[in-house]
């Protein structure tokens, strides 16, 4: 049996799944989509069944949604989850192109 004490590879002390670039891109995408629909942030948070304060942190890229929350937000935007993820991936690609051009 392989345990942390007899592994040849070191074990990370604390892994994190927070990806600032992903969180920022997600926030930019959902904010733009919400604004296109003319919905105020507090009303949209109600539609998506998420705490208003937490939703604000998502839009600012300070938090990253769980899969369940991403699907609720996509539903409130009248998109399927895959379409929302595709838009976030496209936003990430635009961000990378801007950095490489600078």
PDB file of N, CA and C in Angstrom:
ATOM      1  N   UNK A   1       0.839  -1.183   0.000  1.00  0.00           N
ATOM      2  CA  UNK A   1       0.000   0.000   0.000  1.00  0.00           C
ATOM      3  C   UNK A   1       0.884   1.247   0.000  1.00  0.00           C
ATOM      4  N   UNK A   2       0.522   2.210  -0.822  1.00  0.00           N
ATOM      5  CA  UNK A   2       1.276   3.461  -0.907  1.00  0.00           C
ATOM      6  C   UNK A   2       0.667   4.456   0.067  1.00  0.00           C
ATOM      7  N   UNK A   3       1.484   5.004   0.924  1.00  0.00           N
ATOM      8  CA  UNK A   3       1.035   6.030   1.866  1.00  0.00           C
ATOM      9  C   UNK A   3       1.885   7.266   1.673  1.00  0.00           C
ATOM     10  N   UNK A   4       1.478   8.330   2.316  1.00  0.00           N
ATOM     11  CA  UNK A   4       2.234   9.587   2.207  1.00  0.00           C
ATOM     12  C   UNK A   4       3.660   9.414   2.703  1.00  0.00           C
ATOM     13  N   UNK A   5       3.866   8.529   3.672  1.00  0.00           N
ATOM     14  CA  UNK A   5       5.199   8.388   4.244  1.00  0.00           C
ATOM     15  C   UNK A   5       6.145   7.585   3.357  1.00  0.00           C
ATOM     16  N   UNK A   6       5.625   6.713   2.467  1.00  0.00           N
ATOM     17  CA  UNK A   6       6.539   5.926   1.644  1.00  0.00           C
ATOM     18  C   UNK A   6       6.454   6.260   0.153  1.00  0.00           C
ATOM     19  N   UNK A   7       5.850   7.344  -0.195  1.00  0.00           N
ATOM     20  CA  UNK A   7       5.795   7.783  -1.596  1.00  0.00           C
ATOM     21  C   UNK A   7       7.131   8.352  -2.009  1.00  0.00           C
ATOM     22  N   UNK A   8       7.447   8.154  -3.269  1.00  0.00           N
ATOM     23  CA  UNK A   8       8.680   8.761  -3.769  1.00  0.00           C
ATOM     24  C   UNK A   8       8.460  10.222  -4.156  1.00  0.00           C
ATOM     25  N   UNK A   9       7.206  10.592  -4.406  1.00  0.00           N
ATOM     26  CA  UNK A   9       6.896  11.980  -4.747  1.00  0.00           C
ATOM     27  C   UNK A   9       6.370  12.703  -3.517  1.00  0.00           C
ATOM     28  N   UNK A  10       6.806  13.932  -3.309  1.00  0.00           N
ATOM     29  CA  UNK A  10       6.308  14.665  -2.139  1.00  0.00           C
ATOM     30  C   UNK A  10       4.814  14.966  -2.256  1.00  0.00           C
ATOM     31  N   UNK A  11       4.156  14.990  -1.132  1.00  0.00           N
ATOM     32  CA  UNK A  11       2.729  15.297  -1.074  1.00  0.00           C
ATOM     33  C   UNK A  11       2.577  16.787  -0.800  1.00  0.00           C
ATOM     34  N   UNK A  12       1.712  17.438  -1.563  1.00  0.00           N
ATOM     35  CA  UNK A  12       1.472  18.870  -1.351  1.00  0.00           C
ATOM     36  C   UNK A  12       0.861  19.077   0.024  1.00  0.00           C
ATOM     37  N   UNK A  13       1.286  20.124   0.699  1.00  0.00           N
ATOM     38  CA  UNK A  13       0.745  20.412   2.025  1.00  0.00           C
ATOM     39  C   UNK A  13      -0.720  20.778   1.953  1.00  0.00           C
ATOM     40  N   UNK A  14      -1.069  21.635   1.020  1.00  0.00           N
ATOM     41  CA  UNK A  14      -2.462  22.043   0.885  1.00  0.00           C
ATOM     42  C   UNK A  14      -2.729  22.405  -0.566  1.00  0.00           C
ATOM     43  N   UNK A  15      -3.577  21.640  -1.181  1.00  0.00           N
ATOM     44  CA  UNK A  15      -3.921  21.920  -2.573  1.00  0.00           C
ATOM     45  C   UNK A  15      -5.122  22.856  -2.606  1.00  0.00           C
ATOM     46  N   UNK A  16      -5.157  23.701  -3.600  1.00  0.00           N
ATOM     47  CA  UNK A  16      -6.298  24.591  -3.767  1.00  0.00           C
ATOM     48  C   UNK A  16      -6.798  24.475  -5.199  1.00  0.00           C
ATOM     49  N   UNK A  17      -8.080  24.611  -5.355  1.00  0.00           N
ATOM     50  CA  UNK A  17      -8.630  24.536  -6.706  1.00  0.00           C
ATOM     51  C   UNK A  17      -9.025  25.917  -7.211  1.00  0.00           C
ATOM     52  N   UNK A  18      -8.736  26.968  -6.451  1.00  0.00           N
ATOM     53  CA  UNK A  18      -9.081  28.316  -6.890  1.00  0.00           C
ATOM     54  C   UNK A  18      -8.125  28.750  -7.983  1.00  0.00           C
ATOM     55  N   UNK A  19      -8.680  29.110  -9.111  1.00  0.00           N
ATOM     56  CA  UNK A  19      -7.900  29.587 -10.251  1.00  0.00           C
ATOM     57  C   UNK A  19      -8.316  31.027 -10.525  1.00  0.00           C
ATOM     58  N   UNK A  20      -7.499  32.006 -10.141  1.00  0.00           N
ATOM     59  CA  UNK A  20      -7.888  33.413 -10.291  1.00  0.00           C
ATOM     60  C   UNK A  20      -8.281  33.808 -11.710  1.00  0.00           C
ATOM     61  N   UNK A  21      -7.557  33.310 -12.711  1.00  0.00           N
ATOM     62  CA  UNK A  21      -7.894  33.676 -14.094  1.00  0.00           C
ATOM     63  C   UNK A  21      -9.250  33.123 -14.499  1.00  0.00           C
ATOM     64  N   UNK A  22      -9.551  31.906 -14.070  1.00  0.00           N
ATOM     65  CA  UNK A  22     -10.844  31.290 -14.379  1.00  0.00           C
ATOM     66  C   UNK A  22     -11.953  32.045 -13.658  1.00  0.00           C
ATOM     67  N   UNK A  23     -11.740  32.350 -12.386  1.00  0.00           N
ATOM     68  CA  UNK A  23     -12.751  33.078 -11.609  1.00  0.00           C
ATOM     69  C   UNK A  23     -13.027  34.443 -12.233  1.00  0.00           C
ATOM     70  N   UNK A  24     -11.974  35.129 -12.648  1.00  0.00           N
ATOM     71  CA  UNK A  24     -12.126  36.451 -13.267  1.00  0.00           C
ATOM     72  C   UNK A  24     -12.891  36.341 -14.588  1.00  0.00           C
ATOM     73  N   UNK A  25     -12.526  35.364 -15.415  1.00  0.00           N
ATOM     74  CA  UNK A  25     -13.209  35.187 -16.707  1.00  0.00           C
ATOM     75  C   UNK A  25     -14.678  34.831 -16.497  1.00  0.00           C
ATOM     76  N   UNK A  26     -14.963  33.955 -15.536  1.00  0.00           N
ATOM     77  CA  UNK A  26     -16.347  33.586 -15.248  1.00  0.00           C
ATOM     78  C   UNK A  26     -17.135  34.831 -14.850  1.00  0.00           C
ATOM     79  N   UNK A  27     -16.572  35.625 -13.956  1.00  0.00           N
ATOM     80  CA  UNK A  27     -17.246  36.837 -13.505  1.00  0.00           C
ATOM     81  C   UNK A  27     -17.516  37.814 -14.631  1.00  0.00           C
ATOM     82  N   UNK A  28     -16.528  38.008 -15.501  1.00  0.00           N
ATOM     83  CA  UNK A  28     -16.707  38.928 -16.635  1.00  0.00           C
ATOM     84  C   UNK A  28     -17.821  38.453 -17.556  1.00  0.00           C
ATOM     85  N   UNK A  29     -17.864  37.147 -17.803  1.00  0.00           N
ATOM     86  CA  UNK A  29     -18.875  36.586 -18.707  1.00  0.00           C
ATOM     87  C   UNK A  29     -20.267  36.713 -18.111  1.00  0.00           C
ATOM     88  N   UNK A  30     -20.439  36.295 -16.857  1.00  0.00           N
ATOM     89  CA  UNK A  30     -21.798  36.328 -16.301  1.00  0.00           C
ATOM     90  C   UNK A  30     -22.274  37.764 -16.093  1.00  0.00           C
ATOM     91  N   UNK A  31     -21.366  38.673 -15.753  1.00  0.00           N
ATOM     92  CA  UNK A  31     -21.774  40.076 -15.623  1.00  0.00           C
ATOM     93  C   UNK A  31     -22.255  40.621 -16.965  1.00  0.00           C
ATOM     94  N   UNK A  32     -21.484  40.373 -18.022  1.00  0.00           N
ATOM     95  CA  UNK A  32     -21.871  40.869 -19.352  1.00  0.00           C
ATOM     96  C   UNK A  32     -23.211  40.279 -19.788  1.00  0.00           C
ATOM     97  N   UNK A  33     -23.409  38.994 -19.569  1.00  0.00           N
ATOM     98  CA  UNK A  33     -24.669  38.352 -19.959  1.00  0.00           C
ATOM     99  C   UNK A  33     -25.841  38.896 -19.148  1.00  0.00           C
ATOM    100  N   UNK A  34     -25.628  39.091 -17.861  1.00  0.00           N
ATOM    101  CA  UNK A  34     -26.689  39.640 -17.002  1.00  0.00           C
ATOM    102  C   UNK A  34     -27.046  41.051 -17.452  1.00  0.00           C
ATOM    103  N   UNK A  35     -26.028  41.872 -17.708  1.00  0.00           N
ATOM    104  CA  UNK A  35     -26.276  43.248 -18.138  1.00  0.00           C
ATOM    105  C   UNK A  35     -26.950  43.301 -19.509  1.00  0.00           C
ATOM    106  N   UNK A  36     -26.574  42.390 -20.419  1.00  0.00           N
ATOM    107  CA  UNK A  36     -27.242  42.321 -21.732  1.00  0.00           C
ATOM    108  C   UNK A  36     -28.736  42.091 -21.572  1.00  0.00           C
ATOM    109  N   UNK A  37     -29.095  41.340 -20.542  1.00  0.00           N
ATOM    110  CA  UNK A  37     -30.497  41.018 -20.294  1.00  0.00           C
ATOM    111  C   UNK A  37     -31.206  42.101 -19.481  1.00  0.00           C
ATOM    112  N   UNK A  38     -30.454  43.107 -19.053  1.00  0.00           N
ATOM    113  CA  UNK A  38     -31.042  44.225 -18.319  1.00  0.00           C
ATOM    114  C   UNK A  38     -31.540  43.863 -16.931  1.00  0.00           C
ATOM    115  N   UNK A  39     -30.879  42.908 -16.289  1.00  0.00           N
ATOM    116  CA  UNK A  39     -31.303  42.453 -14.964  1.00  0.00           C
ATOM    117  C   UNK A  39     -30.321  42.985 -13.922  1.00  0.00           C
ATOM    118  N   UNK A  40     -30.855  43.577 -12.864  1.00  0.00           N
ATOM    119  CA  UNK A  40     -30.013  44.066 -11.768  1.00  0.00           C
ATOM    120  C   UNK A  40     -29.365  42.880 -11.052  1.00  0.00           C
ATOM    121  N   UNK A  41     -28.207  43.136 -10.465  1.00  0.00           N
ATOM    122  CA  UNK A  41     -27.462  42.071  -9.802  1.00  0.00           C
ATOM    123  C   UNK A  41     -28.269  41.397  -8.692  1.00  0.00           C
ATOM    124  N   UNK A  42     -28.951  42.178  -7.863  1.00  0.00           N
ATOM    125  CA  UNK A  42     -29.702  41.576  -6.756  1.00  0.00           C
ATOM    126  C   UNK A  42     -30.867  40.730  -7.260  1.00  0.00           C
ATOM    127  N   UNK A  43     -31.533  41.186  -8.311  1.00  0.00           N
ATOM    128  CA  UNK A  43     -32.634  40.404  -8.885  1.00  0.00           C
ATOM    129  C   UNK A  43     -32.105  39.119  -9.515  1.00  0.00           C
ATOM    130  N   UNK A  44     -30.963  39.226 -10.189  1.00  0.00           N
ATOM    131  CA  UNK A  44     -30.400  38.030 -10.812  1.00  0.00           C
ATOM    132  C   UNK A  44     -29.992  37.006  -9.760  1.00  0.00           C
ATOM    133  N   UNK A  45     -29.419  37.469  -8.665  1.00  0.00           N
ATOM    134  CA  UNK A  45     -29.046  36.546  -7.587  1.00  0.00           C
ATOM    135  C   UNK A  45     -30.270  35.772  -7.103  1.00  0.00           C
ATOM    136  N   UNK A  46     -31.407  36.461  -6.991  1.00  0.00           N
ATOM    137  CA  UNK A  46     -32.650  35.776  -6.612  1.00  0.00           C
ATOM    138  C   UNK A  46     -33.048  34.740  -7.660  1.00  0.00           C
ATOM    139  N   UNK A  47     -32.973  35.111  -8.927  1.00  0.00           N
ATOM    140  CA  UNK A  47     -33.322  34.185 -10.015  1.00  0.00           C
ATOM    141  C   UNK A  47     -32.452  32.929  -9.995  1.00  0.00           C
ATOM    142  N   UNK A  48     -31.179  33.113  -9.681  1.00  0.00           N
ATOM    143  CA  UNK A  48     -30.234  31.995  -9.669  1.00  0.00           C
ATOM    144  C   UNK A  48     -30.204  31.279  -8.318  1.00  0.00           C
ATOM    145  N   UNK A  49     -30.977  31.793  -7.363  1.00  0.00           N
ATOM    146  CA  UNK A  49     -31.036  31.203  -6.022  1.00  0.00           C
ATOM    147  C   UNK A  49     -29.653  31.163  -5.362  1.00  0.00           C
ATOM    148  N   UNK A  50     -28.999  32.332  -5.360  1.00  0.00           N
ATOM    149  CA  UNK A  50     -27.686  32.462  -4.734  1.00  0.00           C
ATOM    150  C   UNK A  50     -27.687  33.737  -3.896  1.00  0.00           C
ATOM    151  N   UNK A  51     -26.988  33.717  -2.787  1.00  0.00           N
ATOM    152  CA  UNK A  51     -26.884  34.885  -1.926  1.00  0.00           C
ATOM    153  C   UNK A  51     -26.358  36.071  -2.733  1.00  0.00           C
ATOM    154  N   UNK A  52     -26.985  37.231  -2.589  1.00  0.00           N
ATOM    155  CA  UNK A  52     -26.618  38.423  -3.360  1.00  0.00           C
ATOM    156  C   UNK A  52     -25.153  38.794  -3.171  1.00  0.00           C
ATOM    157  N   UNK A  53     -24.685  38.767  -1.932  1.00  0.00           N
ATOM    158  CA  UNK A  53     -23.302  39.124  -1.643  1.00  0.00           C
ATOM    159  C   UNK A  53     -22.328  38.140  -2.306  1.00  0.00           C
ATOM    160  N   UNK A  54     -22.643  36.860  -2.223  1.00  0.00           N
ATOM    161  CA  UNK A  54     -21.786  35.845  -2.830  1.00  0.00           C
ATOM    162  C   UNK A  54     -21.783  35.998  -4.352  1.00  0.00           C
ATOM    163  N   UNK A  55     -22.960  36.290  -4.915  1.00  0.00           N
ATOM    164  CA  UNK A  55     -23.031  36.475  -6.360  1.00  0.00           C
ATOM    165  C   UNK A  55     -22.154  37.658  -6.795  1.00  0.00           C
ATOM    166  N   UNK A  56     -22.156  38.729  -6.018  1.00  0.00           N
ATOM    167  CA  UNK A  56     -21.295  39.869  -6.323  1.00  0.00           C
ATOM    168  C   UNK A  56     -19.829  39.470  -6.340  1.00  0.00           C
ATOM    169  N   UNK A  57     -19.439  38.610  -5.403  1.00  0.00           N
ATOM    170  CA  UNK A  57     -18.051  38.121  -5.368  1.00  0.00           C
ATOM    171  C   UNK A  57     -17.737  37.275  -6.598  1.00  0.00           C
ATOM    172  N   UNK A  58     -18.728  36.507  -7.069  1.00  0.00           N
ATOM    173  CA  UNK A  58     -18.524  35.730  -8.297  1.00  0.00           C
ATOM    174  C   UNK A  58     -18.272  36.661  -9.476  1.00  0.00           C
ATOM    175  N   UNK A  59     -19.084  37.695  -9.608  1.00  0.00           N
ATOM    176  CA  UNK A  59     -18.913  38.630 -10.730  1.00  0.00           C
ATOM    177  C   UNK A  59     -17.582  39.373 -10.659  1.00  0.00           C
ATOM    178  N   UNK A  60     -17.091  39.619  -9.458  1.00  0.00           N
ATOM    179  CA  UNK A  60     -15.805  40.320  -9.310  1.00  0.00           C
ATOM    180  C   UNK A  60     -14.611  39.374  -9.418  1.00  0.00           C
ATOM    181  N   UNK A  61     -14.865  38.079  -9.592  1.00  0.00           N
ATOM    182  CA  UNK A  61     -13.775  37.112  -9.711  1.00  0.00           C
ATOM    183  C   UNK A  61     -13.124  36.769  -8.396  1.00  0.00           C
ATOM    184  N   UNK A  62     -13.805  37.047  -7.297  1.00  0.00           N
ATOM    185  CA  UNK A  62     -13.260  36.749  -5.974  1.00  0.00           C
ATOM    186  C   UNK A  62     -13.606  35.336  -5.517  1.00  0.00           C
ATOM    187  N   UNK A  63     -14.581  34.734  -6.156  1.00  0.00           N
ATOM    188  CA  UNK A  63     -15.005  33.371  -5.836  1.00  0.00           C
ATOM    189  C   UNK A  63     -15.195  32.614  -7.135  1.00  0.00           C
ATOM    190  N   UNK A  64     -15.168  31.302  -7.016  1.00  0.00           N
ATOM    191  CA  UNK A  64     -15.330  30.414  -8.153  1.00  0.00           C
ATOM    192  C   UNK A  64     -16.527  29.516  -7.863  1.00  0.00           C
ATOM    193  N   UNK A  65     -17.465  29.363  -8.793  1.00  0.00           N
ATOM    194  CA  UNK A  65     -18.667  28.592  -8.485  1.00  0.00           C
ATOM    195  C   UNK A  65     -18.434  27.086  -8.505  1.00  0.00           C
ATOM    196  N   UNK A  66     -19.242  26.381  -7.724  1.00  0.00           N
ATOM    197  CA  UNK A  66     -19.284  24.925  -7.835  1.00  0.00           C
ATOM    198  C   UNK A  66     -19.996  24.588  -9.143  1.00  0.00           C
ATOM    199  N   UNK A  67     -19.946  23.343  -9.533  1.00  0.00           N
ATOM    200  CA  UNK A  67     -20.645  22.927 -10.748  1.00  0.00           C
ATOM    201  C   UNK A  67     -22.146  23.149 -10.602  1.00  0.00           C
ATOM    202  N   UNK A  68     -22.694  22.810  -9.447  1.00  0.00           N
ATOM    203  CA  UNK A  68     -24.137  22.992  -9.230  1.00  0.00           C
ATOM    204  C   UNK A  68     -24.527  24.461  -9.368  1.00  0.00           C
ATOM    205  N   UNK A  69     -23.715  25.357  -8.809  1.00  0.00           N
ATOM    206  CA  UNK A  69     -24.019  26.784  -8.901  1.00  0.00           C
ATOM    207  C   UNK A  69     -23.850  27.287 -10.333  1.00  0.00           C
ATOM    208  N   UNK A  70     -22.826  26.821 -11.018  1.00  0.00           N
ATOM    209  CA  UNK A  70     -22.639  27.204 -12.417  1.00  0.00           C
ATOM    210  C   UNK A  70     -23.876  26.828 -13.230  1.00  0.00           C
ATOM    211  N   UNK A  71     -24.427  25.648 -12.984  1.00  0.00           N
ATOM    212  CA  UNK A  71     -25.616  25.208 -13.721  1.00  0.00           C
ATOM    213  C   UNK A  71     -26.836  26.050 -13.372  1.00  0.00           C
ATOM    214  N   UNK A  72     -26.977  26.452 -12.106  1.00  0.00           N
ATOM    215  CA  UNK A  72     -28.094  27.331 -11.722  1.00  0.00           C
ATOM    216  C   UNK A  72     -27.965  28.689 -12.395  1.00  0.00           C
ATOM    217  N   UNK A  73     -26.751  29.232 -12.405  1.00  0.00           N
ATOM    218  CA  UNK A  73     -26.522  30.530 -13.047  1.00  0.00           C
ATOM    219  C   UNK A  73     -26.790  30.424 -14.545  1.00  0.00           C
ATOM    220  N   UNK A  74     -26.317  29.357 -15.167  1.00  0.00           N
ATOM    221  CA  UNK A  74     -26.577  29.156 -16.597  1.00  0.00           C
ATOM    222  C   UNK A  74     -28.080  29.100 -16.858  1.00  0.00           C
ATOM    223  N   UNK A  75     -28.810  28.379 -16.025  1.00  0.00           N
ATOM    224  CA  UNK A  75     -30.258  28.293 -16.191  1.00  0.00           C
ATOM    225  C   UNK A  75     -30.927  29.648 -16.065  1.00  0.00           C
ATOM    226  N   UNK A  76     -30.485  30.451 -15.103  1.00  0.00           N
ATOM    227  CA  UNK A  76     -31.053  31.791 -14.923  1.00  0.00           C
ATOM    228  C   UNK A  76     -30.737  32.686 -16.123  1.00  0.00           C
ATOM    229  N   UNK A  77     -29.638  32.395 -16.810  1.00  0.00           N
ATOM    230  CA  UNK A  77     -29.266  33.132 -18.021  1.00  0.00           C
ATOM    231  C   UNK A  77     -29.907  32.528 -19.273  1.00  0.00           C
ATOM    232  N   UNK A  78     -30.688  31.477 -19.077  1.00  0.00           N
ATOM    233  CA  UNK A  78     -31.339  30.751 -20.175  1.00  0.00           C
ATOM    234  C   UNK A  78     -30.323  30.170 -21.154  1.00  0.00           C
ATOM    235  N   UNK A  79     -29.240  29.629 -20.584  1.00  0.00           N
ATOM    236  CA  UNK A  79     -28.204  28.927 -21.341  1.00  0.00           C
ATOM    237  C   UNK A  79     -28.062  27.540 -20.742  1.00  0.00           C
ATOM    238  N   UNK A  80     -27.497  26.610 -21.509  1.00  0.00           N
ATOM    239  CA  UNK A  80     -27.141  25.357 -20.857  1.00  0.00           C
ATOM    240  C   UNK A  80     -25.731  25.521 -20.291  1.00  0.00           C
ATOM    241  N   UNK A  81     -25.375  24.646 -19.381  1.00  0.00           N
ATOM    242  CA  UNK A  81     -24.085  24.758 -18.713  1.00  0.00           C
ATOM    243  C   UNK A  81     -22.914  24.736 -19.675  1.00  0.00           C
ATOM    244  N   UNK A  82     -23.008  23.905 -20.705  1.00  0.00           N
ATOM    245  CA  UNK A  82     -21.927  23.811 -21.683  1.00  0.00           C
ATOM    246  C   UNK A  82     -21.695  25.116 -22.430  1.00  0.00           C
ATOM    247  N   UNK A  83     -22.777  25.812 -22.746  1.00  0.00           N
ATOM    248  CA  UNK A  83     -22.651  27.103 -23.441  1.00  0.00           C
ATOM    249  C   UNK A  83     -21.976  28.130 -22.537  1.00  0.00           C
ATOM    250  N   UNK A  84     -22.343  28.143 -21.265  1.00  0.00           N
ATOM    251  CA  UNK A  84     -21.711  29.089 -20.338  1.00  0.00           C
ATOM    252  C   UNK A  84     -20.226  28.778 -20.195  1.00  0.00           C
ATOM    253  N   UNK A  85     -19.888  27.507 -20.050  1.00  0.00           N
ATOM    254  CA  UNK A  85     -18.476  27.119 -19.938  1.00  0.00           C
ATOM    255  C   UNK A  85     -17.726  27.506 -21.214  1.00  0.00           C
ATOM    256  N   UNK A  86     -18.322  27.288 -22.378  1.00  0.00           N
ATOM    257  CA  UNK A  86     -17.671  27.654 -23.644  1.00  0.00           C
ATOM    258  C   UNK A  86     -17.378  29.151 -23.698  1.00  0.00           C
ATOM    259  N   UNK A  87     -18.298  29.954 -23.203  1.00  0.00           N
ATOM    260  CA  UNK A  87     -18.076  31.406 -23.198  1.00  0.00           C
ATOM    261  C   UNK A  87     -16.948  31.796 -22.243  1.00  0.00           C
ATOM    262  N   UNK A  88     -16.866  31.098 -21.115  1.00  0.00           N
ATOM    263  CA  UNK A  88     -15.778  31.370 -20.165  1.00  0.00           C
ATOM    264  C   UNK A  88     -14.442  30.973 -20.791  1.00  0.00           C
ATOM    265  N   UNK A  89     -14.395  29.832 -21.453  1.00  0.00           N
ATOM    266  CA  UNK A  89     -13.165  29.391 -22.117  1.00  0.00           C
ATOM    267  C   UNK A  89     -12.751  30.407 -23.188  1.00  0.00           C
ATOM    268  N   UNK A  90     -13.705  30.910 -23.952  1.00  0.00           N
ATOM    269  CA  UNK A  90     -13.398  31.928 -24.968  1.00  0.00           C
ATOM    270  C   UNK A  90     -12.853  33.197 -24.316  1.00  0.00           C
ATOM    271  N   UNK A  91     -13.413  33.583 -23.184  1.00  0.00           N
ATOM    272  CA  UNK A  91     -12.932  34.768 -22.458  1.00  0.00           C
ATOM    273  C   UNK A  91     -11.502  34.550 -21.969  1.00  0.00           C
ATOM    274  N   UNK A  92     -11.213  33.349 -21.480  1.00  0.00           N
ATOM    275  CA  UNK A  92      -9.845  33.027 -21.053  1.00  0.00           C
ATOM    276  C   UNK A  92      -8.876  33.143 -22.228  1.00  0.00           C
ATOM    277  N   UNK A  93      -9.279  32.644 -23.389  1.00  0.00           N
ATOM    278  CA  UNK A  93      -8.421  32.715 -24.577  1.00  0.00           C
ATOM    279  C   UNK A  93      -8.170  34.165 -24.975  1.00  0.00           C
ATOM    280  N   UNK A  94      -9.210  35.002 -24.899  1.00  0.00           N
ATOM    281  CA  UNK A  94      -9.021  36.431 -25.215  1.00  0.00           C
ATOM    282  C   UNK A  94      -8.031  37.060 -24.240  1.00  0.00           C
ATOM    283  N   UNK A  95      -8.127  36.700 -22.979  1.00  0.00           N
ATOM    284  CA  UNK A  95      -7.203  37.227 -21.973  1.00  0.00           C
ATOM    285  C   UNK A  95      -5.772  36.810 -22.246  1.00  0.00           C
ATOM    286  N   UNK A  96      -5.582  35.564 -22.667  1.00  0.00           N
ATOM    287  CA  UNK A  96      -4.231  35.084 -22.984  1.00  0.00           C
ATOM    288  C   UNK A  96      -3.666  35.813 -24.199  1.00  0.00           C
ATOM    289  N   UNK A  97      -4.519  36.042 -25.207  1.00  0.00           N
ATOM    290  CA  UNK A  97      -4.051  36.759 -26.404  1.00  0.00           C
ATOM    291  C   UNK A  97      -3.648  38.186 -26.054  1.00  0.00           C
ATOM    292  N   UNK A  98      -4.415  38.832 -25.172  1.00  0.00           N
ATOM    293  CA  UNK A  98      -4.067  40.208 -24.767  1.00  0.00           C
ATOM    294  C   UNK A  98      -2.720  40.227 -24.059  1.00  0.00           C
ATOM    295  N   UNK A  99      -2.476  39.239 -23.193  1.00  0.00           N
ATOM    296  CA  UNK A  99      -1.204  39.195 -22.469  1.00  0.00           C
ATOM    297  C   UNK A  99      -0.035  38.954 -23.412  1.00  0.00           C
ATOM    298  N   UNK A 100      -0.214  38.052 -24.384  1.00  0.00           N
ATOM    299  CA  UNK A 100       0.892  37.749 -25.293  1.00  0.00           C
ATOM    300  C   UNK A 100       1.165  38.900 -26.259  1.00  0.00           C
ATOM    301  N   UNK A 101       0.154  39.709 -26.548  1.00  0.00           N
ATOM    302  CA  UNK A 101       0.337  40.858 -27.437  1.00  0.00           C
ATOM    303  C   UNK A 101       1.009  42.023 -26.717  1.00  0.00           C
ATOM    304  N   UNK A 102       0.906  42.047 -25.408  1.00  0.00           N
ATOM    305  CA  UNK A 102       1.464  43.172 -24.635  1.00  0.00           C
ATOM    306  C   UNK A 102       2.954  43.071 -24.463  1.00  0.00           C
TER     307      UNK A 102
END
